[in-house]
């Protein structure tokens, strides 16, 4: 399955989801409505704890013209609707953004994302 994960900054949640989905054999990418400058160091760290390397992924701007190229578009939630009302996601996971918080918050978000990806 081809899956696109979307969030605002494309630095934490969508990056972790991309890593899990790729490991599950899906063709995947992530994008942000207002992308940051790269994958958050804490996201890289907590994913590495599970043996998943997301350090080479990049924060990319959402391209609305390519949405039909994906079998499924999943929003991480937390402001995507406000920053990109044209996005028509198949699912909205409504996850809190751990950006700027401690490692335990990143781990909690990571574990939620892992469970959600496993349910796809």
PDB file of N, CA and C in Angstrom:
ATOM      1  N   UNK A   1       0.847  -1.183   0.000  1.00  0.00           N
ATOM      2  CA  UNK A   1       0.000   0.000   0.000  1.00  0.00           C
ATOM      3  C   UNK A   1       0.891   1.244   0.000  1.00  0.00           C
ATOM      4  N   UNK A   2       0.465   2.270  -0.723  1.00  0.00           N
ATOM      5  CA  UNK A   2       1.176   3.557  -0.770  1.00  0.00           C
ATOM      6  C   UNK A   2       0.497   4.515   0.217  1.00  0.00           C
ATOM      7  N   UNK A   3       1.253   4.927   1.253  1.00  0.00           N
ATOM      8  CA  UNK A   3       0.675   5.737   2.320  1.00  0.00           C
ATOM      9  C   UNK A   3       1.465   7.029   2.482  1.00  0.00           C
ATOM     10  N   UNK A   4       0.741   8.143   2.563  1.00  0.00           N
ATOM     11  CA  UNK A   4       1.333   9.452   2.852  1.00  0.00           C
ATOM     12  C   UNK A   4       0.862   9.885   4.229  1.00  0.00           C
ATOM     13  N   UNK A   5       1.814  10.218   5.101  1.00  0.00           N
ATOM     14  CA  UNK A   5       1.513  10.723   6.435  1.00  0.00           C
ATOM     15  C   UNK A   5       1.736  12.230   6.447  1.00  0.00           C
ATOM     16  N   UNK A   6       0.762  12.981   6.973  1.00  0.00           N
ATOM     17  CA  UNK A   6       0.824  14.438   6.946  1.00  0.00           C
ATOM     18  C   UNK A   6       0.650  15.008   8.352  1.00  0.00           C
ATOM     19  N   UNK A   7       1.503  15.957   8.683  1.00  0.00           N
ATOM     20  CA  UNK A   7       1.307  16.754   9.898  1.00  0.00           C
ATOM     21  C   UNK A   7       1.752  18.183   9.579  1.00  0.00           C
ATOM     22  N   UNK A   8       1.810  19.015  10.567  1.00  0.00           N
ATOM     23  CA  UNK A   8       2.151  20.412  10.320  1.00  0.00           C
ATOM     24  C   UNK A   8       3.646  20.552  10.014  1.00  0.00           C
ATOM     25  N   UNK A   9       4.499  20.193  10.980  1.00  0.00           N
ATOM     26  CA  UNK A   9       5.928  20.427  10.831  1.00  0.00           C
ATOM     27  C   UNK A   9       6.709  19.346  10.113  1.00  0.00           C
ATOM     28  N   UNK A  10       6.146  18.131  10.018  1.00  0.00           N
ATOM     29  CA  UNK A  10       6.824  17.000   9.387  1.00  0.00           C
ATOM     30  C   UNK A  10       8.198  16.770  10.006  1.00  0.00           C
ATOM     31  N   UNK A  11       8.262  16.883  11.349  1.00  0.00           N
ATOM     32  CA  UNK A  11       9.521  16.654  12.055  1.00  0.00           C
ATOM     33  C   UNK A  11       9.441  15.515  13.063  1.00  0.00           C
ATOM     34  N   UNK A  12       8.238  15.163  13.518  1.00  0.00           N
ATOM     35  CA  UNK A  12       8.113  14.160  14.585  1.00  0.00           C
ATOM     36  C   UNK A  12       7.162  13.030  14.215  1.00  0.00           C
ATOM     37  N   UNK A  13       5.861  13.282  14.399  1.00  0.00           N
ATOM     38  CA  UNK A  13       4.846  12.234  14.265  1.00  0.00           C
ATOM     39  C   UNK A  13       4.825  11.592  12.887  1.00  0.00           C
ATOM     40  N   UNK A  14       4.747  12.396  11.848  1.00  0.00           N
ATOM     41  CA  UNK A  14       4.671  11.837  10.499  1.00  0.00           C
ATOM     42  C   UNK A  14       5.967  11.127  10.122  1.00  0.00           C
ATOM     43  N   UNK A  15       7.083  11.598  10.644  1.00  0.00           N
ATOM     44  CA  UNK A  15       8.368  10.949  10.379  1.00  0.00           C
ATOM     45  C   UNK A  15       8.418   9.567  11.042  1.00  0.00           C
ATOM     46  N   UNK A  16       7.923   9.477  12.271  1.00  0.00           N
ATOM     47  CA  UNK A  16       7.894   8.185  12.957  1.00  0.00           C
ATOM     48  C   UNK A  16       6.951   7.228  12.231  1.00  0.00           C
ATOM     49  N   UNK A  17       5.790   7.733  11.809  1.00  0.00           N
ATOM     50  CA  UNK A  17       4.830   6.896  11.080  1.00  0.00           C
ATOM     51  C   UNK A  17       5.445   6.393   9.780  1.00  0.00           C
ATOM     52  N   UNK A  18       6.148   7.255   9.078  1.00  0.00           N
ATOM     53  CA  UNK A  18       6.813   6.847   7.840  1.00  0.00           C
ATOM     54  C   UNK A  18       7.805   5.719   8.112  1.00  0.00           C
ATOM     55  N   UNK A  19       8.578   5.852   9.171  1.00  0.00           N
ATOM     56  CA  UNK A  19       9.552   4.819   9.519  1.00  0.00           C
ATOM     57  C   UNK A  19       8.903   3.483   9.832  1.00  0.00           C
ATOM     58  N   UNK A  20       7.833   3.503  10.622  1.00  0.00           N
ATOM     59  CA  UNK A  20       7.128   2.263  10.953  1.00  0.00           C
ATOM     60  C   UNK A  20       6.500   1.630   9.705  1.00  0.00           C
ATOM     61  N   UNK A  21       5.857   2.452   8.880  1.00  0.00           N
ATOM     62  CA  UNK A  21       5.174   1.929   7.695  1.00  0.00           C
ATOM     63  C   UNK A  21       6.165   1.343   6.698  1.00  0.00           C
ATOM     64  N   UNK A  22       7.294   1.990   6.538  1.00  0.00           N
ATOM     65  CA  UNK A  22       8.325   1.469   5.626  1.00  0.00           C
ATOM     66  C   UNK A  22       8.804   0.108   6.133  1.00  0.00           C
ATOM     67  N   UNK A  23       9.006   0.006   7.443  1.00  0.00           N
ATOM     68  CA  UNK A  23       9.428  -1.260   8.036  1.00  0.00           C
ATOM     69  C   UNK A  23       8.393  -2.357   7.883  1.00  0.00           C
ATOM     70  N   UNK A  24       7.124  -1.975   7.746  1.00  0.00           N
ATOM     71  CA  UNK A  24       6.033  -2.941   7.560  1.00  0.00           C
ATOM     72  C   UNK A  24       5.839  -3.301   6.089  1.00  0.00           C
ATOM     73  N   UNK A  25       6.678  -2.736   5.212  1.00  0.00           N
ATOM     74  CA  UNK A  25       6.626  -3.090   3.807  1.00  0.00           C
ATOM     75  C   UNK A  25       5.782  -2.189   2.926  1.00  0.00           C
ATOM     76  N   UNK A  26       5.307  -1.085   3.471  1.00  0.00           N
ATOM     77  CA  UNK A  26       4.507  -0.154   2.670  1.00  0.00           C
ATOM     78  C   UNK A  26       5.423   0.819   1.931  1.00  0.00           C
ATOM     79  N   UNK A  27       4.961   1.299   0.786  1.00  0.00           N
ATOM     80  CA  UNK A  27       5.628   2.408   0.108  1.00  0.00           C
ATOM     81  C   UNK A  27       5.079   3.659   0.774  1.00  0.00           C
ATOM     82  N   UNK A  28       5.933   4.483   1.323  1.00  0.00           N
ATOM     83  CA  UNK A  28       5.454   5.558   2.180  1.00  0.00           C
ATOM     84  C   UNK A  28       6.304   6.815   2.081  1.00  0.00           C
ATOM     85  N   UNK A  29       5.702   7.908   2.490  1.00  0.00           N
ATOM     86  CA  UNK A  29       6.389   9.188   2.591  1.00  0.00           C
ATOM     87  C   UNK A  29       5.651  10.007   3.640  1.00  0.00           C
ATOM     88  N   UNK A  30       6.233  11.135   3.988  1.00  0.00           N
ATOM     89  CA  UNK A  30       5.571  12.058   4.904  1.00  0.00           C
ATOM     90  C   UNK A  30       5.786  13.473   4.402  1.00  0.00           C
ATOM     91  N   UNK A  31       4.897  14.364   4.835  1.00  0.00           N
ATOM     92  CA  UNK A  31       4.985  15.760   4.411  1.00  0.00           C
ATOM     93  C   UNK A  31       4.331  16.639   5.461  1.00  0.00           C
ATOM     94  N   UNK A  32       4.627  17.925   5.392  1.00  0.00           N
ATOM     95  CA  UNK A  32       4.059  18.872   6.341  1.00  0.00           C
ATOM     96  C   UNK A  32       3.422  20.054   5.647  1.00  0.00           C
ATOM     97  N   UNK A  33       2.432  20.635   6.303  1.00  0.00           N
ATOM     98  CA  UNK A  33       1.796  21.827   5.760  1.00  0.00           C
ATOM     99  C   UNK A  33       2.671  23.057   5.982  1.00  0.00           C
ATOM    100  N   UNK A  34       3.554  22.980   6.964  1.00  0.00           N
ATOM    101  CA  UNK A  34       4.527  24.027   7.236  1.00  0.00           C
ATOM    102  C   UNK A  34       5.784  23.344   7.780  1.00  0.00           C
ATOM    103  N   UNK A  35       6.534  22.658   6.899  1.00  0.00           N
ATOM    104  CA  UNK A  35       7.605  21.788   7.366  1.00  0.00           C
ATOM    105  C   UNK A  35       8.748  22.508   8.061  1.00  0.00           C
ATOM    106  N   UNK A  36       9.311  21.797   9.032  1.00  0.00           N
ATOM    107  CA  UNK A  36      10.481  22.290   9.743  1.00  0.00           C
ATOM    108  C   UNK A  36      11.743  22.031   8.935  1.00  0.00           C
ATOM    109  N   UNK A  37      12.868  22.099   9.620  1.00  0.00           N
ATOM    110  CA  UNK A  37      14.153  21.992   8.922  1.00  0.00           C
ATOM    111  C   UNK A  37      14.721  20.577   8.900  1.00  0.00           C
ATOM    112  N   UNK A  38      14.006  19.610   9.420  1.00  0.00           N
ATOM    113  CA  UNK A  38      14.485  18.234   9.402  1.00  0.00           C
ATOM    114  C   UNK A  38      13.822  17.418  10.489  1.00  0.00           C
ATOM    115  N   UNK A  39      14.190  16.159  10.576  1.00  0.00           N
ATOM    116  CA  UNK A  39      13.617  15.265  11.570  1.00  0.00           C
ATOM    117  C   UNK A  39      14.139  15.665  12.950  1.00  0.00           C
ATOM    118  N   UNK A  40      13.231  15.766  13.909  1.00  0.00           N
ATOM    119  CA  UNK A  40      13.602  16.140  15.276  1.00  0.00           C
ATOM    120  C   UNK A  40      14.551  15.104  15.875  1.00  0.00           C
ATOM    121  N   UNK A  41      15.594  15.590  16.540  1.00  0.00           N
ATOM    122  CA  UNK A  41      16.599  14.701  17.127  1.00  0.00           C
ATOM    123  C   UNK A  41      15.972  13.698  18.094  1.00  0.00           C
ATOM    124  N   UNK A  42      14.978  14.117  18.850  1.00  0.00           N
ATOM    125  CA  UNK A  42      14.345  13.196  19.799  1.00  0.00           C
ATOM    126  C   UNK A  42      13.529  12.129  19.081  1.00  0.00           C
ATOM    127  N   UNK A  43      12.953  12.460  17.939  1.00  0.00           N
ATOM    128  CA  UNK A  43      12.242  11.451  17.144  1.00  0.00           C
ATOM    129  C   UNK A  43      13.234  10.424  16.621  1.00  0.00           C
ATOM    130  N   UNK A  44      14.377  10.882  16.159  1.00  0.00           N
ATOM    131  CA  UNK A  44      15.427   9.978  15.690  1.00  0.00           C
ATOM    132  C   UNK A  44      15.860   9.064  16.838  1.00  0.00           C
ATOM    133  N   UNK A  45      16.045   9.641  18.007  1.00  0.00           N
ATOM    134  CA  UNK A  45      16.518   8.883  19.168  1.00  0.00           C
ATOM    135  C   UNK A  45      15.529   7.797  19.603  1.00  0.00           C
ATOM    136  N   UNK A  46      14.243   8.154  19.726  1.00  0.00           N
ATOM    137  CA  UNK A  46      13.288   7.150  20.219  1.00  0.00           C
ATOM    138  C   UNK A  46      12.996   6.077  19.177  1.00  0.00           C
ATOM    139  N   UNK A  47      13.098   6.401  17.910  1.00  0.00           N
ATOM    140  CA  UNK A  47      12.930   5.377  16.870  1.00  0.00           C
ATOM    141  C   UNK A  47      14.145   4.449  16.855  1.00  0.00           C
ATOM    142  N   UNK A  48      15.330   4.992  17.074  1.00  0.00           N
ATOM    143  CA  UNK A  48      16.547   4.174  17.120  1.00  0.00           C
ATOM    144  C   UNK A  48      16.484   3.175  18.273  1.00  0.00           C
ATOM    145  N   UNK A  49      15.788   3.529  19.345  1.00  0.00           N
ATOM    146  CA  UNK A  49      15.618   2.590  20.458  1.00  0.00           C
ATOM    147  C   UNK A  49      14.947   1.297  20.007  1.00  0.00           C
ATOM    148  N   UNK A  50      14.162   1.374  18.924  1.00  0.00           N
ATOM    149  CA  UNK A  50      13.479   0.199  18.378  1.00  0.00           C
ATOM    150  C   UNK A  50      14.171  -0.333  17.125  1.00  0.00           C
ATOM    151  N   UNK A  51      15.346   0.207  16.836  1.00  0.00           N
ATOM    152  CA  UNK A  51      16.104  -0.265  15.689  1.00  0.00           C
ATOM    153  C   UNK A  51      15.650   0.304  14.352  1.00  0.00           C
ATOM    154  N   UNK A  52      14.934   1.417  14.372  1.00  0.00           N
ATOM    155  CA  UNK A  52      14.450   2.042  13.139  1.00  0.00           C
ATOM    156  C   UNK A  52      15.178   3.371  12.934  1.00  0.00           C
ATOM    157  N   UNK A  53      15.841   3.498  11.790  1.00  0.00           N
ATOM    158  CA  UNK A  53      16.614   4.699  11.481  1.00  0.00           C
ATOM    159  C   UNK A  53      15.788   5.654  10.623  1.00  0.00           C
ATOM    160  N   UNK A  54      15.417   6.792  11.193  1.00  0.00           N
ATOM    161  CA  UNK A  54      14.689   7.820  10.442  1.00  0.00           C
ATOM    162  C   UNK A  54      15.563   9.056  10.209  1.00  0.00           C
ATOM    163  N   UNK A  55      16.837   8.937  10.532  1.00  0.00           N
ATOM    164  CA  UNK A  55      17.738  10.093  10.468  1.00  0.00           C
ATOM    165  C   UNK A  55      17.960  10.613   9.053  1.00  0.00           C
ATOM    166  N   UNK A  56      17.747   9.784   8.044  1.00  0.00           N
ATOM    167  CA  UNK A  56      17.982  10.215   6.661  1.00  0.00           C
ATOM    168  C   UNK A  56      16.722  10.731   5.975  1.00  0.00           C
ATOM    169  N   UNK A  57      15.610  10.686   6.678  1.00  0.00           N
ATOM    170  CA  UNK A  57      14.365  11.213   6.117  1.00  0.00           C
ATOM    171  C   UNK A  57      14.428  12.735   6.132  1.00  0.00           C
ATOM    172  N   UNK A  58      13.572  13.362   5.345  1.00  0.00           N
ATOM    173  CA  UNK A  58      13.599  14.822   5.263  1.00  0.00           C
ATOM    174  C   UNK A  58      12.208  15.396   5.513  1.00  0.00           C
ATOM    175  N   UNK A  59      12.184  16.638   5.965  1.00  0.00           N
ATOM    176  CA  UNK A  59      10.925  17.360   6.154  1.00  0.00           C
ATOM    177  C   UNK A  59      10.559  18.020   4.838  1.00  0.00           C
ATOM    178  N   UNK A  60       9.414  17.618   4.293  1.00  0.00           N
ATOM    179  CA  UNK A  60       9.012  18.086   2.971  1.00  0.00           C
ATOM    180  C   UNK A  60       7.668  18.801   3.019  1.00  0.00           C
ATOM    181  N   UNK A  61       7.496  19.737   2.108  1.00  0.00           N
ATOM    182  CA  UNK A  61       6.241  20.468   1.980  1.00  0.00           C
ATOM    183  C   UNK A  61       5.191  19.589   1.311  1.00  0.00           C
ATOM    184  N   UNK A  62       3.983  19.592   1.851  1.00  0.00           N
ATOM    185  CA  UNK A  62       2.876  18.846   1.276  1.00  0.00           C
ATOM    186  C   UNK A  62       2.559  19.367  -0.119  1.00  0.00           C
ATOM    187  N   UNK A  63       2.476  18.456  -1.082  1.00  0.00           N
ATOM    188  CA  UNK A  63       2.116  18.788  -2.459  1.00  0.00           C
ATOM    189  C   UNK A  63       0.691  18.297  -2.697  1.00  0.00           C
ATOM    190  N   UNK A  64      -0.264  19.208  -2.651  1.00  0.00           N
ATOM    191  CA  UNK A  64      -1.668  18.832  -2.802  1.00  0.00           C
ATOM    192  C   UNK A  64      -1.971  18.214  -4.159  1.00  0.00           C
ATOM    193  N   UNK A  65      -1.156  18.512  -5.160  1.00  0.00           N
ATOM    194  CA  UNK A  65      -1.424  17.968  -6.492  1.00  0.00           C
ATOM    195  C   UNK A  65      -1.067  16.484  -6.601  1.00  0.00           C
ATOM    196  N   UNK A  66      -0.328  15.962  -5.625  1.00  0.00           N
ATOM    197  CA  UNK A  66       0.086  14.558  -5.700  1.00  0.00           C
ATOM    198  C   UNK A  66      -0.746  13.640  -4.802  1.00  0.00           C
ATOM    199  N   UNK A  67      -1.778  14.157  -4.180  1.00  0.00           N
ATOM    200  CA  UNK A  67      -2.551  13.345  -3.233  1.00  0.00           C
ATOM    201  C   UNK A  67      -3.180  12.111  -3.872  1.00  0.00           C
ATOM    202  N   UNK A  68      -3.561  12.207  -5.141  1.00  0.00           N
ATOM    203  CA  UNK A  68      -4.168  11.061  -5.814  1.00  0.00           C
ATOM    204  C   UNK A  68      -3.171   9.944  -6.112  1.00  0.00           C
ATOM    205  N   UNK A  69      -1.875  10.215  -5.915  1.00  0.00           N
ATOM    206  CA  UNK A  69      -0.847   9.200  -6.132  1.00  0.00           C
ATOM    207  C   UNK A  69      -0.775   8.196  -4.979  1.00  0.00           C
ATOM    208  N   UNK A  70      -1.470   8.492  -3.894  1.00  0.00           N
ATOM    209  CA  UNK A  70      -1.391   7.670  -2.684  1.00  0.00           C
ATOM    210  C   UNK A  70      -2.673   6.866  -2.485  1.00  0.00           C
ATOM    211  N   UNK A  71      -2.526   5.630  -2.009  1.00  0.00           N
ATOM    212  CA  UNK A  71      -3.691   4.808  -1.687  1.00  0.00           C
ATOM    213  C   UNK A  71      -4.400   5.324  -0.438  1.00  0.00           C
ATOM    214  N   UNK A  72      -3.604   5.889   0.468  1.00  0.00           N
ATOM    215  CA  UNK A  72      -4.164   6.383   1.721  1.00  0.00           C
ATOM    216  C   UNK A  72      -3.368   7.601   2.182  1.00  0.00           C
ATOM    217  N   UNK A  73      -4.089   8.638   2.626  1.00  0.00           N
ATOM    218  CA  UNK A  73      -3.469   9.826   3.214  1.00  0.00           C
ATOM    219  C   UNK A  73      -3.937   9.889   4.657  1.00  0.00           C
ATOM    220  N   UNK A  74      -2.972   9.930   5.576  1.00  0.00           N
ATOM    221  CA  UNK A  74      -3.289   9.934   6.999  1.00  0.00           C
ATOM    222  C   UNK A  74      -2.747  11.204   7.637  1.00  0.00           C
ATOM    223  N   UNK A  75      -3.642  11.940   8.284  1.00  0.00           N
ATOM    224  CA  UNK A  75      -3.263  13.142   9.027  1.00  0.00           C
ATOM    225  C   UNK A  75      -2.906  12.751  10.455  1.00  0.00           C
ATOM    226  N   UNK A  76      -1.857  13.348  10.955  1.00  0.00           N
ATOM    227  CA  UNK A  76      -1.488  13.126  12.351  1.00  0.00           C
ATOM    228  C   UNK A  76      -2.350  13.968  13.288  1.00  0.00           C
ATOM    229  N   UNK A  77      -3.019  14.998  12.721  1.00  0.00           N
ATOM    230  CA  UNK A  77      -3.872  15.883  13.507  1.00  0.00           C
ATOM    231  C   UNK A  77      -3.140  17.136  13.947  1.00  0.00           C
ATOM    232  N   UNK A  78      -3.686  17.788  14.950  1.00  0.00           N
ATOM    233  CA  UNK A  78      -3.045  18.926  15.611  1.00  0.00           C
ATOM    234  C   UNK A  78      -2.767  20.089  14.659  1.00  0.00           C
ATOM    235  N   UNK A  79      -3.799  20.638  14.072  1.00  0.00           N
ATOM    236  CA  UNK A  79      -3.643  21.853  13.293  1.00  0.00           C
ATOM    237  C   UNK A  79      -3.576  21.687  11.795  1.00  0.00           C
ATOM    238  N   UNK A  80      -3.545  20.456  11.305  1.00  0.00           N
ATOM    239  CA  UNK A  80      -3.459  20.270   9.854  1.00  0.00           C
ATOM    240  C   UNK A  80      -4.665  20.896   9.166  1.00  0.00           C
ATOM    241  N   UNK A  81      -5.836  20.748   9.759  1.00  0.00           N
ATOM    242  CA  UNK A  81      -7.053  21.299   9.157  1.00  0.00           C
ATOM    243  C   UNK A  81      -6.980  22.817   9.040  1.00  0.00           C
ATOM    244  N   UNK A  82      -6.377  23.467  10.037  1.00  0.00           N
ATOM    245  CA  UNK A  82      -6.273  24.925  10.017  1.00  0.00           C
ATOM    246  C   UNK A  82      -5.229  25.406   9.013  1.00  0.00           C
ATOM    247  N   UNK A  83      -4.122  24.663   8.889  1.00  0.00           N
ATOM    248  CA  UNK A  83      -3.051  25.117   8.008  1.00  0.00           C
ATOM    249  C   UNK A  83      -3.228  24.637   6.573  1.00  0.00           C
ATOM    250  N   UNK A  84      -4.100  23.654   6.383  1.00  0.00           N
ATOM    251  CA  UNK A  84      -4.324  23.141   5.031  1.00  0.00           C
ATOM    252  C   UNK A  84      -5.742  22.603   4.899  1.00  0.00           C
ATOM    253  N   UNK A  85      -6.726  23.486   4.832  1.00  0.00           N
ATOM    254  CA  UNK A  85      -8.116  23.026   4.756  1.00  0.00           C
ATOM    255  C   UNK A  85      -8.425  22.231   3.479  1.00  0.00           C
ATOM    256  N   UNK A  86      -7.576  22.326   2.464  1.00  0.00           N
ATOM    257  CA  UNK A  86      -7.811  21.584   1.223  1.00  0.00           C
ATOM    258  C   UNK A  86      -7.436  20.109   1.343  1.00  0.00           C
ATOM    259  N   UNK A  87      -6.733  19.745   2.412  1.00  0.00           N
ATOM    260  CA  UNK A  87      -6.325  18.357   2.589  1.00  0.00           C
ATOM    261  C   UNK A  87      -7.532  17.502   2.938  1.00  0.00           C
ATOM    262  N   UNK A  88      -7.748  16.489   2.152  1.00  0.00           N
ATOM    263  CA  UNK A  88      -8.822  15.526   2.405  1.00  0.00           C
ATOM    264  C   UNK A  88      -8.162  14.205   2.795  1.00  0.00           C
ATOM    265  N   UNK A  89      -7.929  14.026   4.083  1.00  0.00           N
ATOM    266  CA  UNK A  89      -7.267  12.823   4.574  1.00  0.00           C
ATOM    267  C   UNK A  89      -8.265  11.680   4.681  1.00  0.00           C
ATOM    268  N   UNK A  90      -7.770  10.469   4.453  1.00  0.00           N
ATOM    269  CA  UNK A  90      -8.603   9.277   4.627  1.00  0.00           C
ATOM    270  C   UNK A  90      -8.821   8.983   6.103  1.00  0.00           C
ATOM    271  N   UNK A  91      -7.797   9.260   6.908  1.00  0.00           N
ATOM    272  CA  UNK A  91      -7.862   9.077   8.354  1.00  0.00           C
ATOM    273  C   UNK A  91      -7.208  10.267   9.038  1.00  0.00           C
ATOM    274  N   UNK A  92      -7.695  10.607  10.218  1.00  0.00           N
ATOM    275  CA  UNK A  92      -7.040  11.608  11.060  1.00  0.00           C
ATOM    276  C   UNK A  92      -6.804  10.952  12.412  1.00  0.00           C
ATOM    277  N   UNK A  93      -5.541  10.710  12.722  1.00  0.00           N
ATOM    278  CA  UNK A  93      -5.221  10.035  13.969  1.00  0.00           C
ATOM    279  C   UNK A  93      -5.294  10.966  15.178  1.00  0.00           C
ATOM    280  N   UNK A  94      -5.330  12.268  14.995  1.00  0.00           N
ATOM    281  CA  UNK A  94      -5.521  13.209  16.096  1.00  0.00           C
ATOM    282  C   UNK A  94      -4.507  13.101  17.218  1.00  0.00           C
ATOM    283  N   UNK A  95      -3.252  12.872  16.877  1.00  0.00           N
ATOM    284  CA  UNK A  95      -2.201  12.693  17.879  1.00  0.00           C
ATOM    285  C   UNK A  95      -1.647  14.031  18.354  1.00  0.00           C
ATOM    286  N   UNK A  96      -1.384  14.120  19.645  1.00  0.00           N
ATOM    287  CA  UNK A  96      -0.718  15.303  20.180  1.00  0.00           C
ATOM    288  C   UNK A  96       0.711  15.360  19.659  1.00  0.00           C
ATOM    289  N   UNK A  97       1.191  16.560  19.425  1.00  0.00           N
ATOM    290  CA  UNK A  97       2.540  16.776  18.907  1.00  0.00           C
ATOM    291  C   UNK A  97       3.532  16.792  20.066  1.00  0.00           C
ATOM    292  N   UNK A  98       4.543  15.904  20.060  1.00  0.00           N
ATOM    293  CA  UNK A  98       5.521  15.898  21.152  1.00  0.00           C
ATOM    294  C   UNK A  98       6.619  16.951  20.996  1.00  0.00           C
ATOM    295  N   UNK A  99       6.612  17.694  19.892  1.00  0.00           N
ATOM    296  CA  UNK A  99       7.690  18.648  19.628  1.00  0.00           C
ATOM    297  C   UNK A  99       7.906  19.569  20.824  1.00  0.00           C
ATOM    298  N   UNK A 100       9.167  19.696  21.229  1.00  0.00           N
ATOM    299  CA  UNK A 100       9.534  20.569  22.344  1.00  0.00           C
ATOM    300  C   UNK A 100       9.359  19.934  23.709  1.00  0.00           C
ATOM    301  N   UNK A 101       8.913  18.699  23.760  1.00  0.00           N
ATOM    302  CA  UNK A 101       8.725  18.009  25.031  1.00  0.00           C
ATOM    303  C   UNK A 101       9.854  17.005  25.252  1.00  0.00           C
ATOM    304  N   UNK A 102       9.787  16.294  26.369  1.00  0.00           N
ATOM    305  CA  UNK A 102      10.835  15.350  26.734  1.00  0.00           C
ATOM    306  C   UNK A 102      10.727  14.022  26.003  1.00  0.00           C
ATOM    307  N   UNK A 103      11.729  13.186  26.225  1.00  0.00           N
ATOM    308  CA  UNK A 103      11.790  11.893  25.557  1.00  0.00           C
ATOM    309  C   UNK A 103      10.593  10.998  25.880  1.00  0.00           C
ATOM    310  N   UNK A 104      10.083  11.071  27.093  1.00  0.00           N
ATOM    311  CA  UNK A 104       8.940  10.223  27.447  1.00  0.00           C
ATOM    312  C   UNK A 104       7.712  10.564  26.610  1.00  0.00           C
ATOM    313  N   UNK A 105       7.521  11.836  26.309  1.00  0.00           N
ATOM    314  CA  UNK A 105       6.413  12.246  25.444  1.00  0.00           C
ATOM    315  C   UNK A 105       6.613  11.693  24.032  1.00  0.00           C
ATOM    316  N   UNK A 106       7.840  11.744  23.539  1.00  0.00           N
ATOM    317  CA  UNK A 106       8.152  11.177  22.223  1.00  0.00           C
ATOM    318  C   UNK A 106       7.919   9.672  22.214  1.00  0.00           C
ATOM    319  N   UNK A 107       8.320   9.001  23.302  1.00  0.00           N
ATOM    320  CA  UNK A 107       8.116   7.547  23.372  1.00  0.00           C
ATOM    321  C   UNK A 107       6.630   7.194  23.386  1.00  0.00           C
ATOM    322  N   UNK A 108       5.848   7.965  24.121  1.00  0.00           N
ATOM    323  CA  UNK A 108       4.406   7.703  24.183  1.00  0.00           C
ATOM    324  C   UNK A 108       3.789   7.864  22.792  1.00  0.00           C
ATOM    325  N   UNK A 109       4.152   8.932  22.107  1.00  0.00           N
ATOM    326  CA  UNK A 109       3.645   9.167  20.756  1.00  0.00           C
ATOM    327  C   UNK A 109       4.120   8.083  19.804  1.00  0.00           C
ATOM    328  N   UNK A 110       5.385   7.718  19.913  1.00  0.00           N
ATOM    329  CA  UNK A 110       5.946   6.653  19.070  1.00  0.00           C
ATOM    330  C   UNK A 110       5.159   5.353  19.236  1.00  0.00           C
ATOM    331  N   UNK A 111       4.880   5.001  20.478  1.00  0.00           N
ATOM    332  CA  UNK A 111       4.172   3.744  20.737  1.00  0.00           C
ATOM    333  C   UNK A 111       2.743   3.776  20.203  1.00  0.00           C
ATOM    334  N   UNK A 112       2.080   4.931  20.311  1.00  0.00           N
ATOM    335  CA  UNK A 112       0.736   5.069  19.735  1.00  0.00           C
ATOM    336  C   UNK A 112       0.784   4.908  18.219  1.00  0.00           C
ATOM    337  N   UNK A 113       1.766   5.552  17.601  1.00  0.00           N
ATOM    338  CA  UNK A 113       1.908   5.469  16.145  1.00  0.00           C
ATOM    339  C   UNK A 113       2.209   4.042  15.717  1.00  0.00           C
ATOM    340  N   UNK A 114       3.071   3.364  16.442  1.00  0.00           N
ATOM    341  CA  UNK A 114       3.399   1.985  16.094  1.00  0.00           C
ATOM    342  C   UNK A 114       2.126   1.113  16.098  1.00  0.00           C
ATOM    343  N   UNK A 115       1.295   1.269  17.118  1.00  0.00           N
ATOM    344  CA  UNK A 115       0.056   0.503  17.188  1.00  0.00           C
ATOM    345  C   UNK A 115      -0.879   0.848  16.028  1.00  0.00           C
ATOM    346  N   UNK A 116      -0.991   2.120  15.701  1.00  0.00           N
ATOM    347  CA  UNK A 116      -1.867   2.539  14.596  1.00  0.00           C
ATOM    348  C   UNK A 116      -1.379   2.015  13.259  1.00  0.00           C
ATOM    349  N   UNK A 117      -0.085   2.072  13.023  1.00  0.00           N
ATOM    350  CA  UNK A 117       0.474   1.558  11.759  1.00  0.00           C
ATOM    351  C   UNK A 117       0.257   0.044  11.683  1.00  0.00           C
ATOM    352  N   UNK A 118       0.431  -0.642  12.796  1.00  0.00           N
ATOM    353  CA  UNK A 118       0.236  -2.094  12.806  1.00  0.00           C
ATOM    354  C   UNK A 118      -1.218  -2.480  12.479  1.00  0.00           C
ATOM    355  N   UNK A 119      -2.161  -1.570  12.727  1.00  0.00           N
ATOM    356  CA  UNK A 119      -3.571  -1.839  12.449  1.00  0.00           C
ATOM    357  C   UNK A 119      -3.949  -1.606  10.993  1.00  0.00           C
ATOM    358  N   UNK A 120      -3.061  -0.993  10.211  1.00  0.00           N
ATOM    359  CA  UNK A 120      -3.370  -0.702   8.801  1.00  0.00           C
ATOM    360  C   UNK A 120      -3.471  -1.982   7.980  1.00  0.00           C
TER     361      UNK A 120
END
